C-alpha atoms as a PDB file:
ATOM      1  CA  MET A   1     -44.736 -13.297  14.231  1.00  0.00           C
ATOM      2  CA  THR A   2     -41.039 -14.217  13.739  1.00  0.00           C
ATOM      3  CA  ARG A   3     -41.744 -17.611  15.185  1.00  0.00           C
ATOM      4  CA  PHE A   4     -44.524 -18.264  12.746  1.00  0.00           C
ATOM      5  CA  LEU A   5     -42.562 -17.171   9.645  1.00  0.00           C
ATOM      6  CA  THR A   6     -39.637 -19.305  10.803  1.00  0.00           C
ATOM      7  CA  TRP A   7     -41.965 -22.374  11.244  1.00  0.00           C
ATOM      8  CA  LEU A   8     -43.601 -21.761   7.938  1.00  0.00           C
ATOM      9  CA  LEU A   9     -40.269 -21.567   6.056  1.00  0.00           C
ATOM     10  CA  THR A  10     -38.934 -24.514   7.977  1.00  0.00           C
ATOM     11  CA  THR A  11     -41.866 -26.695   6.978  1.00  0.00           C
ATOM     12  CA  ALA A  12     -41.753 -25.362   3.559  1.00  0.00           C
ATOM     13  CA  LEU A  13     -38.112 -26.345   3.162  1.00  0.00           C
ATOM     14  CA  ALA A  14     -38.876 -29.771   4.591  1.00  0.00           C
ATOM     15  CA  LEU A  15     -41.786 -30.265   2.203  1.00  0.00           C
ATOM     16  CA  ALA A  16     -39.401 -29.196  -0.795  1.00  0.00           C
ATOM     17  CA  ALA A  17     -36.903 -31.667   0.484  1.00  0.00           C
ATOM     18  CA  ALA A  18     -39.403 -34.659   0.634  1.00  0.00           C
ATOM     19  CA  THR A  19     -40.766 -33.660  -2.928  1.00  0.00           C
ATOM     20  CA  ALA A  20     -37.223 -33.534  -4.279  1.00  0.00           C
ATOM     21  CA  LEU A  21     -36.186 -37.006  -2.413  1.00  0.00           C
ATOM     22  CA  LEU A  22     -39.421 -39.147  -3.126  1.00  0.00           C
ATOM     23  CA  ASP A  23     -40.965 -39.854  -6.426  1.00  0.00           C
ATOM     24  CA  GLY A  24     -44.335 -40.385  -4.699  1.00  0.00           C
ATOM     25  CA  LEU A  25     -44.664 -36.559  -3.435  1.00  0.00           C
ATOM     26  CA  ARG A  26     -44.730 -33.847  -6.114  1.00  0.00           C
ATOM     27  CA  PHE A  27     -45.784 -30.725  -7.334  1.00  0.00           C
ATOM     28  CA  THR A  28     -47.276 -30.162 -10.882  1.00  0.00           C
ATOM     29  CA  GLY A  29     -45.717 -27.681 -13.274  1.00  0.00           C
ATOM     30  CA  PRO A  30     -42.075 -26.923 -14.476  1.00  0.00           C
ATOM     31  CA  ARG A  31     -39.278 -29.371 -13.187  1.00  0.00           C
ATOM     32  CA  SER A  32     -36.230 -27.315 -13.594  1.00  0.00           C
ATOM     33  CA  GLY A  33     -34.765 -23.657 -13.661  1.00  0.00           C
ATOM     34  CA  SER A  34     -36.252 -20.489 -12.459  1.00  0.00           C
ATOM     35  CA  ALA A  35     -39.603 -21.177 -13.818  1.00  0.00           C
ATOM     36  CA  GLU A  36     -40.001 -24.186 -11.407  1.00  0.00           C
ATOM     37  CA  ILE A  37     -39.210 -22.054  -8.500  1.00  0.00           C
ATOM     38  CA  GLU A  38     -41.494 -19.119  -9.640  1.00  0.00           C
ATOM     39  CA  SER A  39     -44.276 -21.645 -10.023  1.00  0.00           C
ATOM     40  CA  LYS A  40     -44.107 -23.600  -6.993  1.00  0.00           C
ATOM     41  CA  ILE A  41     -43.051 -21.205  -4.080  1.00  0.00           C
ATOM     42  CA  LEU A  42     -46.782 -19.823  -3.270  1.00  0.00           C
ATOM     43  CA  PRO A  43     -48.198 -23.495  -3.545  1.00  0.00           C
ATOM     44  CA  LEU A  44     -45.333 -24.745  -1.376  1.00  0.00           C
ATOM     45  CA  LEU A  45     -46.074 -22.313   1.094  1.00  0.00           C
ATOM     46  CA  ALA A  46     -49.851 -22.948   0.944  1.00  0.00           C
ATOM     47  CA  VAL A  47     -49.324 -26.639   1.404  1.00  0.00           C
ATOM     48  CA  ALA A  48     -47.216 -25.958   4.433  1.00  0.00           C
ATOM     49  CA  LEU A  49     -49.876 -23.834   5.968  1.00  0.00           C
ATOM     50  CA  ILE A  50     -52.346 -26.610   5.152  1.00  0.00           C
ATOM     51  CA  LEU A  51     -49.956 -29.218   6.764  1.00  0.00           C
ATOM     52  CA  GLY A  52     -49.700 -27.096   9.871  1.00  0.00           C
ATOM     53  CA  ALA A  53     -53.366 -26.628  10.215  1.00  0.00           C
ATOM     54  CA  VAL A  54     -54.018 -30.334   9.734  1.00  0.00           C
ATOM     55  CA  SER A  55     -51.257 -31.155  12.341  1.00  0.00           C
ATOM     56  CA  ALA A  56     -52.814 -28.709  14.755  1.00  0.00           C
ATOM     57  CA  PHE A  57     -56.352 -29.801  14.595  1.00  0.00           C
ATOM     58  CA  VAL A  58     -56.668 -33.333  13.300  1.00  0.00           C
ATOM     59  CA  LYS A  59     -53.314 -34.945  14.628  1.00  0.00           C
ATOM     60  CA  PRO A  60     -54.043 -34.545  18.443  1.00  0.00           C
ATOM     61  CA  VAL A  61     -57.472 -36.039  18.078  1.00  0.00           C
ATOM     62  CA  LEU A  62     -56.085 -39.176  16.166  1.00  0.00           C
ATOM     63  CA  GLN A  63     -53.233 -39.232  18.780  1.00  0.00           C
ATOM     64  CA  LEU A  64     -55.731 -39.346  21.462  1.00  0.00           C
ATOM     65  CA  LEU A  65     -57.958 -41.938  19.795  1.00  0.00           C
ATOM     66  CA  SER A  66     -54.931 -44.277  19.084  1.00  0.00           C
ATOM     67  CA  PHE A  67     -53.012 -43.749  22.454  1.00  0.00           C
ATOM     68  CA  PRO A  68     -53.321 -47.283  23.284  1.00  0.00           C
ATOM     69  CA  LEU A  69     -51.884 -48.323  20.021  1.00  0.00           C
ATOM     70  CA  ILE A  70     -49.285 -45.905  20.061  1.00  0.00           C
ATOM     71  CA  LEU A  71     -47.988 -47.447  23.624  1.00  0.00           C
ATOM     72  CA  VAL A  72     -48.270 -50.887  22.341  1.00  0.00           C
ATOM     73  CA  THR A  73     -45.954 -49.984  19.313  1.00  0.00           C
ATOM     74  CA  LEU A  74     -43.722 -47.758  21.463  1.00  0.00           C
ATOM     75  CA  GLY A  75     -44.545 -44.879  19.504  1.00  0.00           C
ATOM     76  CA  LEU A  76     -44.093 -46.276  15.980  1.00  0.00           C
ATOM     77  CA  PHE A  77     -47.732 -45.587  15.311  1.00  0.00           C
ATOM     78  CA  LEU A  78     -47.036 -42.056  15.317  1.00  0.00           C
ATOM     79  CA  LEU A  79     -45.251 -42.395  12.103  1.00  0.00           C
ATOM     80  CA  VAL A  80     -48.602 -43.810  10.562  1.00  0.00           C
ATOM     81  CA  ILE A  81     -50.418 -40.976  11.979  1.00  0.00           C
ATOM     82  CA  ASN A  82     -47.877 -38.459  10.433  1.00  0.00           C
ATOM     83  CA  ALA A  83     -48.275 -40.255   7.244  1.00  0.00           C
ATOM     84  CA  PHE A  84     -52.103 -39.876   7.345  1.00  0.00           C
ATOM     85  CA  MET A  85     -51.720 -36.171   8.023  1.00  0.00           C
ATOM     86  CA  LEU A  86     -49.560 -35.940   4.742  1.00  0.00           C
ATOM     87  CA  LEU A  87     -52.333 -37.980   2.849  1.00  0.00           C
ATOM     88  CA  LEU A  88     -54.951 -35.592   4.125  1.00  0.00           C
ATOM     89  CA  THR A  89     -52.739 -32.517   3.204  1.00  0.00           C
ATOM     90  CA  GLY A  90     -52.296 -33.838  -0.246  1.00  0.00           C
ATOM     91  CA  TRP A  91     -56.087 -34.471  -0.718  1.00  0.00           C
ATOM     92  CA  LEU A  92     -56.745 -31.100   0.559  1.00  0.00           C
ATOM     93  CA  ALA A  93     -54.239 -29.429  -1.689  1.00  0.00           C
ATOM     94  CA  GLU A  94     -55.840 -31.506  -4.594  1.00  0.00           C
ATOM     95  CA  GLN A  95     -59.203 -29.941  -3.742  1.00  0.00           C
ATOM     96  CA  LEU A  96     -57.759 -26.355  -3.612  1.00  0.00           C
ATOM     97  CA  GLY A  97     -55.893 -26.778  -6.972  1.00  0.00           C
ATOM     98  CA  LEU A  98     -52.605 -26.287  -5.523  1.00  0.00           C
ATOM     99  CA  GLY A  99     -50.758 -29.056  -7.590  1.00  0.00           C
ATOM    100  CA  PHE A 100     -49.361 -31.064  -4.676  1.00  0.00           C
ATOM    101  CA  ARG A 101     -49.786 -34.844  -4.964  1.00  0.00           C
ATOM    102  CA  VAL A 102     -49.137 -37.711  -2.464  1.00  0.00           C
ATOM    103  CA  ASP A 103     -49.174 -40.917  -4.497  1.00  0.00           C
ATOM    104  CA  GLY A 104     -50.031 -43.405  -1.879  1.00  0.00           C
ATOM    105  CA  PHE A 105     -49.553 -44.504   1.737  1.00  0.00           C
ATOM    106  CA  TRP A 106     -46.066 -45.701   1.452  1.00  0.00           C
ATOM    107  CA  SER A 107     -45.053 -42.491  -0.122  1.00  0.00           C
ATOM    108  CA  ALA A 108     -46.556 -40.686   2.618  1.00  0.00           C
ATOM    109  CA  VAL A 109     -44.688 -42.658   5.142  1.00  0.00           C
ATOM    110  CA  GLY A 110     -41.435 -41.891   3.373  1.00  0.00           C
ATOM    111  CA  GLY A 111     -42.638 -38.125   3.193  1.00  0.00           C
ATOM    112  CA  ALA A 112     -43.426 -38.089   6.811  1.00  0.00           C
ATOM    113  CA  VAL A 113     -40.005 -39.264   7.689  1.00  0.00           C
ATOM    114  CA  VAL A 114     -38.114 -36.884   5.508  1.00  0.00           C
ATOM    115  CA  ILE A 115     -40.314 -33.858   6.661  1.00  0.00           C
ATOM    116  CA  THR A 116     -39.652 -34.965  10.313  1.00  0.00           C
ATOM    117  CA  VAL A 117     -36.001 -35.275   9.896  1.00  0.00           C
ATOM    118  CA  VAL A 118     -35.533 -31.976   7.771  1.00  0.00           C
ATOM    119  CA  THR A 119     -37.764 -30.114  10.216  1.00  0.00           C
ATOM    120  CA  TRP A 120     -35.789 -31.588  13.215  1.00  0.00           C
ATOM    121  CA  ALA A 121     -32.494 -30.580  11.672  1.00  0.00           C
ATOM    122  CA  LEU A 122     -33.477 -27.314  10.710  1.00  0.00           C
ATOM    123  CA  ASP A 123     -34.848 -26.446  14.081  1.00  0.00           C
ATOM    124  CA  ALA A 124     -31.570 -27.566  15.777  1.00  0.00           C
ATOM    125  CA  LEU A 125     -29.662 -25.628  13.133  1.00  0.00           C
ATOM    126  CA  LEU A 126     -31.730 -22.436  13.738  1.00  0.00           C
ATOM    127  CA  GLY A 127     -32.272 -22.824  17.304  1.00  0.00           C
ATOM    128  CA  THR A 128     -35.880 -22.533  16.995  1.00  0.00           C
ATOM    129  CA  GLU A 129     -37.190 -25.168  19.551  1.00  0.00           C
ATOM    130  CA  LYS A 130     -39.993 -24.114  21.770  1.00  0.00           C
ATOM    131  CA  ARG A 131     -38.980 -22.677  24.972  1.00  0.00           C
ATOM    132  CA  ALA A 132     -41.151 -22.508  28.054  1.00  0.00           C
END
């Protein structure tokens, strides 16, 4: 349970960093002060859960189907897959009325990079990498 909560908070912080750094990723609602935090904390956690579910169920299928392309691009196509996961997450969040929006493919690519780097840094800082 602790690992799950750590993962959820790490992913939520990475999403928050991406929405703060990029104009193409955003949550609707207040844009400053404590009202912003209060109105966005639950949607942020919900979007983190959606991103985790999409990454757990859809991403492996896409990786398997695009394996030759991943090899040819020396793994760079994984960035495209991560961007599509973020686009799918944004679409699902909009359908559920969570107020999270991804404006387009390039915003999703930038968001995927930010989320990956922030998650990696937080995992390294917290020492939460998976152990066998």
